[in-house]
C-alpha atoms as a PDB file:
ATOM      1  CA  MET A   1      -3.666  -7.244 -26.963  1.00  0.00           C
ATOM      2  CA  SER A   2      -1.166  -9.465 -25.222  1.00  0.00           C
ATOM      3  CA  ILE A   3      -1.709 -10.308 -21.576  1.00  0.00           C
ATOM      4  CA  ARG A   4       0.720 -11.956 -19.223  1.00  0.00           C
ATOM      5  CA  GLU A   5      -1.118 -14.519 -17.145  1.00  0.00           C
ATOM      6  CA  THR A   6       0.028 -15.846 -13.812  1.00  0.00           C
ATOM      7  CA  SER A   7      -1.221 -18.822 -11.906  1.00  0.00           C
ATOM      8  CA  PRO A   8      -3.757 -18.209  -9.119  1.00  0.00           C
ATOM      9  CA  THR A   9      -1.970 -16.887  -6.065  1.00  0.00           C
ATOM     10  CA  ASN A  10      -2.715 -15.691  -2.575  1.00  0.00           C
ATOM     11  CA  SER A  11      -5.038 -12.696  -2.576  1.00  0.00           C
ATOM     12  CA  CYS A  12      -2.369 -10.433  -1.116  1.00  0.00           C
ATOM     13  CA  ARG A  13       0.040 -11.068  -3.990  1.00  0.00           C
ATOM     14  CA  PRO A  14      -0.285  -8.740  -6.983  1.00  0.00           C
ATOM     15  CA  ARG A  15      -0.569  -9.774 -10.600  1.00  0.00           C
ATOM     16  CA  ARG A  16       0.533  -7.890 -13.673  1.00  0.00           C
ATOM     17  CA  ILE A  17      -1.613  -7.391 -16.741  1.00  0.00           C
ATOM     18  CA  ARG A  18       0.095  -6.036 -19.819  1.00  0.00           C
ATOM     19  CA  ASN A  19      -1.398  -3.876 -22.551  1.00  0.00           C
ATOM     20  CA  LEU A  20      -4.824  -3.315 -21.086  1.00  0.00           C
ATOM     21  CA  ARG A  21      -6.782  -0.707 -22.972  1.00  0.00           C
ATOM     22  CA  THR A  22      -8.652   1.811 -20.912  1.00  0.00           C
ATOM     23  CA  GLY A  23     -11.352   4.326 -21.585  1.00  0.00           C
ATOM     24  CA  GLY A  24     -10.670   7.728 -20.066  1.00  0.00           C
ATOM     25  CA  GLU A  25     -13.837   8.003 -18.009  1.00  0.00           C
ATOM     26  CA  GLY A  26     -13.292   9.644 -14.648  1.00  0.00           C
ATOM     27  CA  LEU A  27      -9.540  10.158 -15.093  1.00  0.00           C
ATOM     28  CA  PRO A  28      -7.851  13.529 -14.512  1.00  0.00           C
ATOM     29  CA  ARG A  29      -7.794  15.390 -17.804  1.00  0.00           C
ATOM     30  CA  GLN A  30      -4.467  17.121 -17.241  1.00  0.00           C
ATOM     31  CA  ARG A  31      -2.623  13.820 -16.754  1.00  0.00           C
ATOM     32  CA  ARG A  32      -3.600  12.220 -20.057  1.00  0.00           C
ATOM     33  CA  GLN A  33      -3.071  12.826 -23.769  1.00  0.00           C
ATOM     34  CA  VAL A  34      -6.617  12.518 -25.035  1.00  0.00           C
ATOM     35  CA  HIS A  35      -8.820  13.293 -28.008  1.00  0.00           C
ATOM     36  CA  LYS A  36     -11.909  15.198 -27.013  1.00  0.00           C
ATOM     37  CA  VAL A  37     -15.172  13.604 -28.077  1.00  0.00           C
ATOM     38  CA  VAL A  38     -18.775  14.245 -27.212  1.00  0.00           C
ATOM     39  CA  GLY A  39     -19.460  13.598 -23.537  1.00  0.00           C
ATOM     40  CA  GLY A  40     -15.941  12.653 -22.436  1.00  0.00           C
ATOM     41  CA  PHE A  41     -12.419  11.699 -23.430  1.00  0.00           C
ATOM     42  CA  TYR A  42     -10.735   8.836 -25.245  1.00  0.00           C
ATOM     43  CA  GLU A  43      -7.116   7.756 -25.293  1.00  0.00           C
ATOM     44  CA  ASP A  44      -6.133   6.096 -28.537  1.00  0.00           C
ATOM     45  CA  LYS A  45      -3.106   4.267 -27.106  1.00  0.00           C
ATOM     46  CA  PRO A  46      -3.113   1.187 -24.848  1.00  0.00           C
ATOM     47  CA  VAL A  47      -1.782   1.506 -21.315  1.00  0.00           C
ATOM     48  CA  THR A  48      -0.391  -1.094 -18.945  1.00  0.00           C
ATOM     49  CA  MET A  49      -2.135  -1.536 -15.620  1.00  0.00           C
ATOM     50  CA  LYS A  50       0.125  -2.780 -12.835  1.00  0.00           C
ATOM     51  CA  MET A  51       0.188  -3.089  -9.070  1.00  0.00           C
ATOM     52  CA  ASP A  52       3.192  -2.311  -6.901  1.00  0.00           C
ATOM     53  CA  ALA A  53       4.959  -5.172  -5.143  1.00  0.00           C
ATOM     54  CA  LYS A  54       3.241  -4.583  -1.784  1.00  0.00           C
ATOM     55  CA  GLY A  55      -0.245  -3.980  -3.153  1.00  0.00           C
ATOM     56  CA  PHE A  56      -0.649  -0.331  -2.155  1.00  0.00           C
ATOM     57  CA  TYR A  57      -1.389   1.176  -5.565  1.00  0.00           C
ATOM     58  CA  ILE A  58      -2.718   0.299  -8.983  1.00  0.00           C
ATOM     59  CA  TYR A  59      -0.999   2.450 -11.575  1.00  0.00           C
ATOM     60  CA  TRP A  60      -0.550   2.949 -15.288  1.00  0.00           C
ATOM     61  CA  ILE A  61       1.764   5.072 -17.425  1.00  0.00           C
ATOM     62  CA  ASN A  62       0.429   7.102 -20.345  1.00  0.00           C
ATOM     63  CA  GLN A  63       2.195   7.946 -23.586  1.00  0.00           C
ATOM     64  CA  SER A  64       3.775  11.033 -21.995  1.00  0.00           C
ATOM     65  CA  LYS A  65       5.515   8.791 -19.430  1.00  0.00           C
ATOM     66  CA  GLU A  66       3.321  10.190 -16.663  1.00  0.00           C
ATOM     67  CA  THR A  67       2.141   7.829 -13.953  1.00  0.00           C
ATOM     68  CA  THR A  68      -1.427   7.774 -12.670  1.00  0.00           C
ATOM     69  CA  LEU A  69      -1.883   6.209  -9.231  1.00  0.00           C
ATOM     70  CA  LEU A  70      -5.032   4.670  -7.811  1.00  0.00           C
ATOM     71  CA  ASP A  71      -4.900   4.028  -4.066  1.00  0.00           C
ATOM     72  CA  VAL A  72      -6.168   0.503  -3.401  1.00  0.00           C
ATOM     73  CA  ALA A  73      -7.547   1.698  -0.050  1.00  0.00           C
ATOM     74  CA  THR A  74     -10.046   3.912  -1.916  1.00  0.00           C
ATOM     75  CA  ILE A  75     -11.419   1.087  -4.079  1.00  0.00           C
ATOM     76  CA  ARG A  76     -15.068   0.365  -3.278  1.00  0.00           C
ATOM     77  CA  ASP A  77     -15.912  -2.301  -5.817  1.00  0.00           C
ATOM     78  CA  THR A  78     -14.745  -4.197  -8.897  1.00  0.00           C
ATOM     79  CA  ARG A  79     -17.199  -5.232 -11.594  1.00  0.00           C
ATOM     80  CA  VAL A  80     -16.786  -7.612 -14.501  1.00  0.00           C
ATOM     81  CA  GLY A  81     -18.936  -8.870 -17.349  1.00  0.00           C
ATOM     82  CA  LYS A  82     -22.499  -7.609 -17.470  1.00  0.00           C
ATOM     83  CA  TYR A  83     -21.995  -5.728 -14.190  1.00  0.00           C
ATOM     84  CA  ALA A  84     -19.177  -3.601 -15.594  1.00  0.00           C
ATOM     85  CA  LYS A  85     -19.781   0.004 -16.566  1.00  0.00           C
ATOM     86  CA  ILE A  86     -20.046   0.102 -20.344  1.00  0.00           C
ATOM     87  CA  PRO A  87     -18.397   3.087 -22.095  1.00  0.00           C
ATOM     88  CA  LYS A  88     -20.943   5.372 -23.740  1.00  0.00           C
ATOM     89  CA  HIS A  89     -18.602   7.228 -26.070  1.00  0.00           C
ATOM     90  CA  PRO A  90     -19.110   6.102 -29.697  1.00  0.00           C
ATOM     91  CA  LYS A  91     -15.402   6.158 -30.489  1.00  0.00           C
ATOM     92  CA  VAL A  92     -14.554   3.925 -27.531  1.00  0.00           C
ATOM     93  CA  ARG A  93     -17.344   1.506 -28.390  1.00  0.00           C
ATOM     94  CA  ASN A  94     -16.171   1.365 -31.987  1.00  0.00           C
ATOM     95  CA  VAL A  95     -12.577   0.478 -31.049  1.00  0.00           C
ATOM     96  CA  PHE A  96     -13.732  -2.505 -28.989  1.00  0.00           C
ATOM     97  CA  ASN A  97     -16.549  -3.534 -31.391  1.00  0.00           C
ATOM     98  CA  MET A  98     -19.090  -3.312 -28.598  1.00  0.00           C
ATOM     99  CA  ASP A  99     -22.030  -2.744 -30.918  1.00  0.00           C
ATOM    100  CA  PHE A 100     -21.462  -5.961 -32.871  1.00  0.00           C
ATOM    101  CA  PRO A 101     -23.653  -8.930 -31.846  1.00  0.00           C
ATOM    102  CA  ASP A 102     -20.715 -11.350 -31.724  1.00  0.00           C
ATOM    103  CA  SER A 103     -18.537  -9.048 -29.650  1.00  0.00           C
ATOM    104  CA  ASN A 104     -17.380 -10.674 -26.419  1.00  0.00           C
ATOM    105  CA  HIS A 105     -15.659  -7.633 -24.936  1.00  0.00           C
ATOM    106  CA  LEU A 106     -18.328  -7.315 -22.271  1.00  0.00           C
ATOM    107  CA  ALA A 107     -17.065 -10.497 -20.628  1.00  0.00           C
ATOM    108  CA  LYS A 108     -13.521  -9.130 -20.716  1.00  0.00           C
ATOM    109  CA  THR A 109     -14.318  -5.753 -19.173  1.00  0.00           C
ATOM    110  CA  LEU A 110     -13.156  -4.743 -15.701  1.00  0.00           C
ATOM    111  CA  THR A 111     -14.548  -1.667 -13.967  1.00  0.00           C
ATOM    112  CA  ILE A 112     -12.788  -0.418 -10.842  1.00  0.00           C
ATOM    113  CA  VAL A 113     -14.979   1.791  -8.654  1.00  0.00           C
ATOM    114  CA  SER A 114     -13.077   4.104  -6.321  1.00  0.00           C
ATOM    115  CA  GLY A 115     -13.753   7.115  -4.134  1.00  0.00           C
ATOM    116  CA  MET A 116     -13.098   8.620  -0.722  1.00  0.00           C
ATOM    117  CA  ASP A 117     -16.734   7.918   0.158  1.00  0.00           C
ATOM    118  CA  THR A 118     -19.622   5.922  -1.289  1.00  0.00           C
ATOM    119  CA  VAL A 119     -21.197   8.930  -3.038  1.00  0.00           C
ATOM    120  CA  ASN A 120     -18.442  10.625  -5.043  1.00  0.00           C
ATOM    121  CA  LEU A 121     -17.245   7.684  -7.114  1.00  0.00           C
ATOM    122  CA  THR A 122     -14.900   7.351 -10.080  1.00  0.00           C
ATOM    123  CA  TYR A 123     -15.080   4.528 -12.633  1.00  0.00           C
ATOM    124  CA  HIS A 124     -12.027   3.179 -14.461  1.00  0.00           C
ATOM    125  CA  ASN A 125     -12.686   0.799 -17.354  1.00  0.00           C
ATOM    126  CA  PHE A 126     -10.118  -1.770 -18.471  1.00  0.00           C
ATOM    127  CA  PHE A 127     -10.265  -4.435 -21.159  1.00  0.00           C
ATOM    128  CA  ALA A 128      -8.334  -7.695 -21.450  1.00  0.00           C
ATOM    129  CA  SER A 129      -8.126 -10.517 -23.972  1.00  0.00           C
ATOM    130  CA  LYS A 130      -9.258 -13.298 -21.615  1.00  0.00           C
ATOM    131  CA  GLU A 131     -12.165 -13.512 -19.197  1.00  0.00           C
ATOM    132  CA  LYS A 132     -10.304 -15.490 -16.529  1.00  0.00           C
ATOM    133  CA  VAL A 133      -7.595 -12.858 -16.121  1.00  0.00           C
ATOM    134  CA  VAL A 134     -10.144 -10.100 -15.559  1.00  0.00           C
ATOM    135  CA  GLN A 135     -12.031 -12.158 -12.972  1.00  0.00           C
ATOM    136  CA  ASN A 136      -8.809 -12.954 -11.109  1.00  0.00           C
ATOM    137  CA  TRP A 137      -7.870  -9.283 -10.991  1.00  0.00           C
ATOM    138  CA  ALA A 138     -11.333  -8.294  -9.775  1.00  0.00           C
ATOM    139  CA  ASN A 139     -11.265 -10.846  -6.948  1.00  0.00           C
ATOM    140  CA  ASP A 140      -7.719 -10.100  -5.827  1.00  0.00           C
ATOM    141  CA  ILE A 141      -8.123  -6.318  -5.871  1.00  0.00           C
ATOM    142  CA  LEU A 142     -11.184  -6.552  -3.618  1.00  0.00           C
ATOM    143  CA  ALA A 143      -9.430  -9.014  -1.312  1.00  0.00           C
ATOM    144  CA  ILE A 144      -6.591  -6.530  -0.794  1.00  0.00           C
ATOM    145  CA  ALA A 145      -8.853  -3.473  -0.525  1.00  0.00           C
ATOM    146  CA  TYR A 146     -11.005  -5.053   2.195  1.00  0.00           C
ATOM    147  CA  ASN A 147      -8.210  -6.898   3.980  1.00  0.00           C
ATOM    148  CA  ALA A 148      -8.673  -6.306   7.718  1.00  0.00           C
ATOM    149  CA  ALA A 149      -4.964  -6.649   8.475  1.00  0.00           C
ATOM    150  CA  ARG A 150      -4.089  -4.055   5.826  1.00  0.00           C
ATOM    151  CA  ASN A 151      -6.603  -1.565   7.215  1.00  0.00           C
ATOM    152  CA  ASN A 152      -5.289  -1.999  10.776  1.00  0.00           C
ATOM    153  CA  SER A 153      -1.579  -2.050  10.042  1.00  0.00           C
ATOM    154  CA  CYS A 154       1.313  -0.748  12.089  1.00  0.00           C
ATOM    155  CA  ARG A 155       3.036   2.578  11.460  1.00  0.00           C
ATOM    156  CA  GLN A 156       5.780   1.026   9.351  1.00  0.00           C
ATOM    157  CA  VAL A 157       3.282  -0.232   6.760  1.00  0.00           C
ATOM    158  CA  PHE A 158       1.961   3.277   6.201  1.00  0.00           C
ATOM    159  CA  LEU A 159       5.527   4.565   5.835  1.00  0.00           C
ATOM    160  CA  ASP A 160       6.108   1.822   3.258  1.00  0.00           C
ATOM    161  CA  LYS A 161       3.045   3.123   1.443  1.00  0.00           C
ATOM    162  CA  ILE A 162       4.510   6.632   1.302  1.00  0.00           C
ATOM    163  CA  TYR A 163       7.774   5.188  -0.007  1.00  0.00           C
ATOM    164  CA  ALA A 164       5.913   3.264  -2.718  1.00  0.00           C
ATOM    165  CA  CYS A 165       3.951   6.379  -3.709  1.00  0.00           C
ATOM    166  CA  LEU A 166       7.106   8.465  -4.132  1.00  0.00           C
ATOM    167  CA  SER A 167       9.004   5.686  -5.914  1.00  0.00           C
ATOM    168  CA  LEU A 168       6.276   5.158  -8.512  1.00  0.00           C
ATOM    169  CA  GLN A 169       5.873   8.819  -9.498  1.00  0.00           C
ATOM    170  CA  THR A 170       8.882   9.193 -11.752  1.00  0.00           C
ATOM    171  CA  ASN A 171       9.330  11.746 -14.531  1.00  0.00           C
ATOM    172  CA  LYS A 172      10.158  11.147 -18.198  1.00  0.00           C
ATOM    173  CA  ASP A 173      13.787  10.441 -17.279  1.00  0.00           C
ATOM    174  CA  GLY A 174      12.813   7.762 -14.775  1.00  0.00           C
ATOM    175  CA  LYS A 175      13.787   9.925 -11.788  1.00  0.00           C
ATOM    176  CA  ILE A 176      11.759  11.081  -8.779  1.00  0.00           C
ATOM    177  CA  PRO A 177      11.134  14.857  -8.791  1.00  0.00           C
ATOM    178  CA  VAL A 178      12.080  16.405  -5.446  1.00  0.00           C
ATOM    179  CA  LYS A 179       9.016  18.638  -5.664  1.00  0.00           C
ATOM    180  CA  ARG A 180       6.871  15.531  -5.106  1.00  0.00           C
ATOM    181  CA  VAL A 181       8.606  15.013  -1.760  1.00  0.00           C
ATOM    182  CA  TYR A 182       7.830  18.606  -0.773  1.00  0.00           C
ATOM    183  CA  LYS A 183       4.248  18.100  -1.901  1.00  0.00           C
ATOM    184  CA  MET A 184       3.964  14.932   0.191  1.00  0.00           C
ATOM    185  CA  PHE A 185       5.187  16.774   3.317  1.00  0.00           C
ATOM    186  CA  PRO A 186       4.018  20.390   2.864  1.00  0.00           C
ATOM    187  CA  ALA A 187       3.949  21.487   6.517  1.00  0.00           C
ATOM    188  CA  ASP A 188       7.612  22.457   7.006  1.00  0.00           C
ATOM    189  CA  LYS A 189       9.761  22.987   3.917  1.00  0.00           C
ATOM    190  CA  LYS A 190      12.929  23.704   5.916  1.00  0.00           C
ATOM    191  CA  ARG A 191      12.623  20.468   7.848  1.00  0.00           C
ATOM    192  CA  VAL A 192      12.074  18.491   4.629  1.00  0.00           C
ATOM    193  CA  GLU A 193      15.146  20.128   3.121  1.00  0.00           C
ATOM    194  CA  GLY A 194      17.246  19.207   6.158  1.00  0.00           C
ATOM    195  CA  ALA A 195      15.960  15.618   6.158  1.00  0.00           C
ATOM    196  CA  LEU A 196      16.829  15.208   2.463  1.00  0.00           C
ATOM    197  CA  ALA A 197      20.331  16.520   3.136  1.00  0.00           C
ATOM    198  CA  ALA A 198      20.739  14.097   6.068  1.00  0.00           C
ATOM    199  CA  ALA A 199      19.795  11.208   3.761  1.00  0.00           C
ATOM    200  CA  HIS A 200      22.315  12.463   1.145  1.00  0.00           C
ATOM    201  CA  LEU A 201      19.544  13.119  -1.371  1.00  0.00           C
ATOM    202  CA  PRO A 202      19.084  16.151  -3.660  1.00  0.00           C
ATOM    203  CA  LYS A 203      17.097  18.891  -1.935  1.00  0.00           C
ATOM    204  CA  GLY A 204      16.530  21.500  -4.649  1.00  0.00           C
ATOM    205  CA  LYS A 205      12.907  22.003  -5.630  1.00  0.00           C
ATOM    206  CA  TYR A 206      13.700  21.401  -9.299  1.00  0.00           C
ATOM    207  CA  ASP A 207      16.149  18.549  -8.681  1.00  0.00           C
ATOM    208  CA  SER A 208      15.448  14.872  -9.293  1.00  0.00           C
ATOM    209  CA  ILE A 209      16.391  11.761  -7.336  1.00  0.00           C
ATOM    210  CA  LYS A 210      17.690   8.656  -9.073  1.00  0.00           C
ATOM    211  CA  THR A 211      15.566   5.624  -8.249  1.00  0.00           C
ATOM    212  CA  GLU A 212      18.643   3.581  -7.321  1.00  0.00           C
ATOM    213  CA  ALA A 213      19.613   6.264  -4.770  1.00  0.00           C
ATOM    214  CA  PHE A 214      16.138   6.422  -3.241  1.00  0.00           C
ATOM    215  CA  THR A 215      16.449   3.149  -1.339  1.00  0.00           C
ATOM    216  CA  GLU A 216      14.406   2.042   1.658  1.00  0.00           C
ATOM    217  CA  ALA A 217      17.412   2.743   3.888  1.00  0.00           C
ATOM    218  CA  ALA A 218      17.686   6.295   2.528  1.00  0.00           C
ATOM    219  CA  PHE A 219      13.955   6.810   3.022  1.00  0.00           C
ATOM    220  CA  ARG A 220      14.197   5.598   6.628  1.00  0.00           C
ATOM    221  CA  THR A 221      17.010   8.052   7.292  1.00  0.00           C
ATOM    222  CA  PHE A 222      14.912  10.797   5.732  1.00  0.00           C
ATOM    223  CA  ILE A 223      11.877   9.933   7.893  1.00  0.00           C
ATOM    224  CA  THR A 224      13.831   9.708  11.159  1.00  0.00           C
ATOM    225  CA  HIS A 225      15.245  13.199  10.576  1.00  0.00           C
ATOM    226  CA  LEU A 226      11.938  14.583   9.338  1.00  0.00           C
ATOM    227  CA  CYS A 227       9.935  13.211  12.282  1.00  0.00           C
ATOM    228  CA  PRO A 228      12.274  12.891  15.285  1.00  0.00           C
ATOM    229  CA  ARG A 229      10.939  11.035  18.320  1.00  0.00           C
ATOM    230  CA  PRO A 230      12.593  12.435  21.466  1.00  0.00           C
ATOM    231  CA  ASP A 231      10.058  10.565  23.608  1.00  0.00           C
ATOM    232  CA  ILE A 232      11.288   7.214  22.301  1.00  0.00           C
ATOM    233  CA  TYR A 233      14.910   8.259  22.748  1.00  0.00           C
ATOM    234  CA  GLU A 234      14.081   9.138  26.350  1.00  0.00           C
ATOM    235  CA  ILE A 235      12.757   5.602  26.902  1.00  0.00           C
ATOM    236  CA  PHE A 236      15.907   4.212  25.294  1.00  0.00           C
ATOM    237  CA  THR A 237      18.222   6.178  27.597  1.00  0.00           C
ATOM    238  CA  SER A 238      16.247   5.066  30.654  1.00  0.00           C
ATOM    239  CA  TYR A 239      17.374   1.494  29.914  1.00  0.00           C
ATOM    240  CA  SER A 240      20.836   2.245  28.605  1.00  0.00           C
ATOM    241  CA  ASN A 241      23.228   5.132  29.220  1.00  0.00           C
ATOM    242  CA  LYS A 242      25.391   4.001  26.301  1.00  0.00           C
ATOM    243  CA  PRO A 243      24.962   4.484  22.524  1.00  0.00           C
ATOM    244  CA  THR A 244      23.586   0.941  22.266  1.00  0.00           C
ATOM    245  CA  MET A 245      21.287  -1.226  24.352  1.00  0.00           C
ATOM    246  CA  THR A 246      22.389  -4.706  25.387  1.00  0.00           C
ATOM    247  CA  LYS A 247      20.224  -7.764  24.893  1.00  0.00           C
ATOM    248  CA  GLU A 248      19.728  -7.989  28.665  1.00  0.00           C
ATOM    249  CA  ASN A 249      18.408  -4.426  28.866  1.00  0.00           C
ATOM    250  CA  PHE A 250      16.217  -4.975  25.820  1.00  0.00           C
ATOM    251  CA  THR A 251      14.860  -8.128  27.484  1.00  0.00           C
ATOM    252  CA  LYS A 252      14.050  -6.135  30.605  1.00  0.00           C
ATOM    253  CA  PHE A 253      12.195  -3.539  28.540  1.00  0.00           C
ATOM    254  CA  LEU A 254      10.178  -6.165  26.657  1.00  0.00           C
ATOM    255  CA  ASN A 255       9.185  -8.301  29.631  1.00  0.00           C
ATOM    256  CA  GLU A 256       8.704  -5.600  32.251  1.00  0.00           C
ATOM    257  CA  LYS A 257       7.720  -2.436  30.389  1.00  0.00           C
ATOM    258  CA  GLN A 258       6.224  -3.553  27.097  1.00  0.00           C
ATOM    259  CA  ARG A 259       4.426  -6.661  28.313  1.00  0.00           C
ATOM    260  CA  ASP A 260       1.096  -6.286  30.126  1.00  0.00           C
ATOM    261  CA  SER A 261       1.669  -7.541  33.675  1.00  0.00           C
ATOM    262  CA  ARG A 262      -1.983  -8.630  33.927  1.00  0.00           C
ATOM    263  CA  LEU A 263      -1.511 -11.358  31.316  1.00  0.00           C
ATOM    264  CA  ASN A 264      -1.490 -14.979  32.376  1.00  0.00           C
ATOM    265  CA  GLU A 265       2.057 -16.348  32.535  1.00  0.00           C
ATOM    266  CA  GLU A 266       1.022 -19.706  31.081  1.00  0.00           C
ATOM    267  CA  LEU A 267      -1.054 -18.399  28.182  1.00  0.00           C
ATOM    268  CA  PHE A 268       1.201 -15.423  27.443  1.00  0.00           C
ATOM    269  CA  PRO A 269       4.734 -16.393  28.504  1.00  0.00           C
ATOM    270  CA  ARG A 270       7.615 -13.958  28.574  1.00  0.00           C
ATOM    271  CA  LEU A 271       9.792 -13.732  25.492  1.00  0.00           C
ATOM    272  CA  ARG A 272      12.630 -16.222  25.245  1.00  0.00           C
ATOM    273  CA  GLN A 273      16.216 -15.265  24.481  1.00  0.00           C
ATOM    274  CA  ASP A 274      16.042 -16.666  20.949  1.00  0.00           C
ATOM    275  CA  GLN A 275      12.925 -14.567  20.246  1.00  0.00           C
ATOM    276  CA  ILE A 276      14.646 -11.428  21.523  1.00  0.00           C
ATOM    277  CA  LYS A 277      17.714 -12.148  19.396  1.00  0.00           C
ATOM    278  CA  ALA A 278      15.427 -12.546  16.369  1.00  0.00           C
ATOM    279  CA  LEU A 279      13.917  -9.103  17.044  1.00  0.00           C
ATOM    280  CA  ILE A 280      17.371  -7.526  17.244  1.00  0.00           C
ATOM    281  CA  ASP A 281      18.408  -9.182  13.976  1.00  0.00           C
ATOM    282  CA  LYS A 282      15.191  -7.999  12.322  1.00  0.00           C
ATOM    283  CA  TYR A 283      15.232  -4.336  13.329  1.00  0.00           C
ATOM    284  CA  GLU A 284      18.839  -3.351  14.071  1.00  0.00           C
ATOM    285  CA  PRO A 285      20.140  -1.557  10.929  1.00  0.00           C
ATOM    286  CA  VAL A 286      23.836  -1.940  11.841  1.00  0.00           C
ATOM    287  CA  SER A 287      24.864  -5.548  11.250  1.00  0.00           C
ATOM    288  CA  SER A 288      27.865  -5.361  13.612  1.00  0.00           C
ATOM    289  CA  ASN A 289      25.551  -4.354  16.464  1.00  0.00           C
ATOM    290  CA  ALA A 290      23.102  -7.143  15.652  1.00  0.00           C
ATOM    291  CA  ASN A 291      25.897  -9.733  15.618  1.00  0.00           C
ATOM    292  CA  ARG A 292      26.890  -8.695  19.149  1.00  0.00           C
ATOM    293  CA  GLY A 293      23.297  -8.621  20.420  1.00  0.00           C
ATOM    294  CA  LEU A 294      23.176  -4.826  20.660  1.00  0.00           C
ATOM    295  CA  MET A 295      20.429  -2.442  19.559  1.00  0.00           C
ATOM    296  CA  SER A 296      20.863   1.192  18.565  1.00  0.00           C
ATOM    297  CA  PRO A 297      18.248   3.933  19.098  1.00  0.00           C
ATOM    298  CA  GLU A 298      17.310   3.627  15.403  1.00  0.00           C
ATOM    299  CA  GLY A 299      16.720  -0.115  15.733  1.00  0.00           C
ATOM    300  CA  PHE A 300      14.705   0.495  18.894  1.00  0.00           C
ATOM    301  CA  LEU A 301      12.558   3.004  16.992  1.00  0.00           C
ATOM    302  CA  PHE A 302      12.039   0.615  14.071  1.00  0.00           C
ATOM    303  CA  TYR A 303      10.939  -2.109  16.504  1.00  0.00           C
ATOM    304  CA  LEU A 304       8.328   0.176  18.072  1.00  0.00           C
ATOM    305  CA  MET A 305       6.988   0.971  14.585  1.00  0.00           C
ATOM    306  CA  GLY A 306       6.734  -2.715  13.644  1.00  0.00           C
ATOM    307  CA  PRO A 307       3.796  -5.144  13.792  1.00  0.00           C
ATOM    308  CA  GLU A 308       4.913  -6.604  17.144  1.00  0.00           C
ATOM    309  CA  THR A 309       3.829  -3.388  18.882  1.00  0.00           C
ATOM    310  CA  SER A 310       0.685  -2.715  16.856  1.00  0.00           C
ATOM    311  CA  VAL A 311      -2.359  -1.614  18.858  1.00  0.00           C
ATOM    312  CA  VAL A 312      -4.449  -4.241  17.064  1.00  0.00           C
ATOM    313  CA  VAL A 313      -3.149  -7.808  17.346  1.00  0.00           C
ATOM    314  CA  GLN A 314      -2.717  -8.895  13.742  1.00  0.00           C
ATOM    315  CA  ASP A 315      -3.346 -12.591  14.442  1.00  0.00           C
ATOM    316  CA  ARG A 316      -6.831 -11.878  15.737  1.00  0.00           C
ATOM    317  CA  LEU A 317      -7.830 -10.034  12.581  1.00  0.00           C
ATOM    318  CA  ALA A 318      -7.578 -13.264  10.609  1.00  0.00           C
ATOM    319  CA  LYS A 319     -10.252 -14.859  12.790  1.00  0.00           C
ATOM    320  CA  SER A 320     -13.759 -14.280  11.512  1.00  0.00           C
ATOM    321  CA  GLN A 321     -17.131 -15.941  11.824  1.00  0.00           C
ATOM    322  CA  ASP A 322     -19.191 -17.194   8.908  1.00  0.00           C
ATOM    323  CA  MET A 323     -22.019 -14.668   8.593  1.00  0.00           C
ATOM    324  CA  THR A 324     -23.493 -16.012   5.353  1.00  0.00           C
ATOM    325  CA  GLN A 325     -25.926 -18.469   6.944  1.00  0.00           C
ATOM    326  CA  PRO A 326     -29.656 -17.802   7.566  1.00  0.00           C
ATOM    327  CA  LEU A 327     -30.505 -15.908  10.754  1.00  0.00           C
ATOM    328  CA  PRO A 328     -31.927 -18.965  12.648  1.00  0.00           C
ATOM    329  CA  HIS A 329     -28.467 -20.560  12.480  1.00  0.00           C
ATOM    330  CA  TYR A 330     -27.049 -18.089  15.017  1.00  0.00           C
ATOM    331  CA  PHE A 331     -27.502 -17.409  18.716  1.00  0.00           C
ATOM    332  CA  ILE A 332     -28.480 -13.775  19.233  1.00  0.00           C
ATOM    333  CA  LYS A 333     -27.846 -11.957  22.484  1.00  0.00           C
ATOM    334  CA  SER A 334     -30.348  -9.169  22.974  1.00  0.00           C
ATOM    335  CA  SER A 335     -31.928  -7.299  25.877  1.00  0.00           C
ATOM    336  CA  THR A 336     -35.153  -6.877  23.915  1.00  0.00           C
ATOM    337  CA  THR A 337     -37.470  -9.199  22.048  1.00  0.00           C
ATOM    338  CA  LEU A 338     -36.672  -9.617  18.361  1.00  0.00           C
ATOM    339  CA  THR A 339     -39.582  -9.449  15.926  1.00  0.00           C
END
């Protein structure tokens, strides 16, 4: 089995492992071509485990060109070496020579434990050719799964996750089935159909969308028509009676409406003009507006969905105390006597 190794990177950056073999334990039966054996299933072909560019999903494609997704947010644990879950099926054990004394596959085994809670768990077994690669994957997957900033993200991050989910689930022709979009948003079929039409995307239930046509810009157009925000547009019109908002009006909104007036002026100063211009350049989708320092209602909406307006301040999530020391090393505030 060939494996592409990458140098150690930041825990939020994904790696790619090629040609990892997997046992079929805990995987949906209808999504895999398997041979039935006693006590479970076995897939006789290797699969490639990957992670999407933003670290939302681990996925692999079977021999039928069907993609299986594993949400990183549902991962509870990763286990390697002697702590990994060993396959019990004789055919799986025979393929990886697990019953031979000199077999070193145990050290190259990665088990990913996932589930919506800590009781109903699913185990996915993967095998690699080198121990170091498996250990790196195990560490990085857990770092992403338990990342405090990821679990307290702004609205835009969760929309990016939906976009990644739809983009990864392609059919045999490499296109995105429209029925997956309807399945993702099942509440109002007519509204989904209208939003697809507004984004100039196919809307028939049995149609497919080309991956090159399903861009982030097209997805944003689809979302803004699917989930209109008249309340935000009302705020926009209260600061501008024109189709665009000037930098001066946007400054007034940021420093008078958005900013908490109780904050200390020295510790939390008002935004400078260069900072406001940077926000317009970042969120305004029309480049001609951004060049003139103007913001459209769409850009205003994208700003309010961004990390700058998140309920949880992202910078504070990175601050944590070392809680690995013995108990006497800490001051404990308590209204009762500790025993």
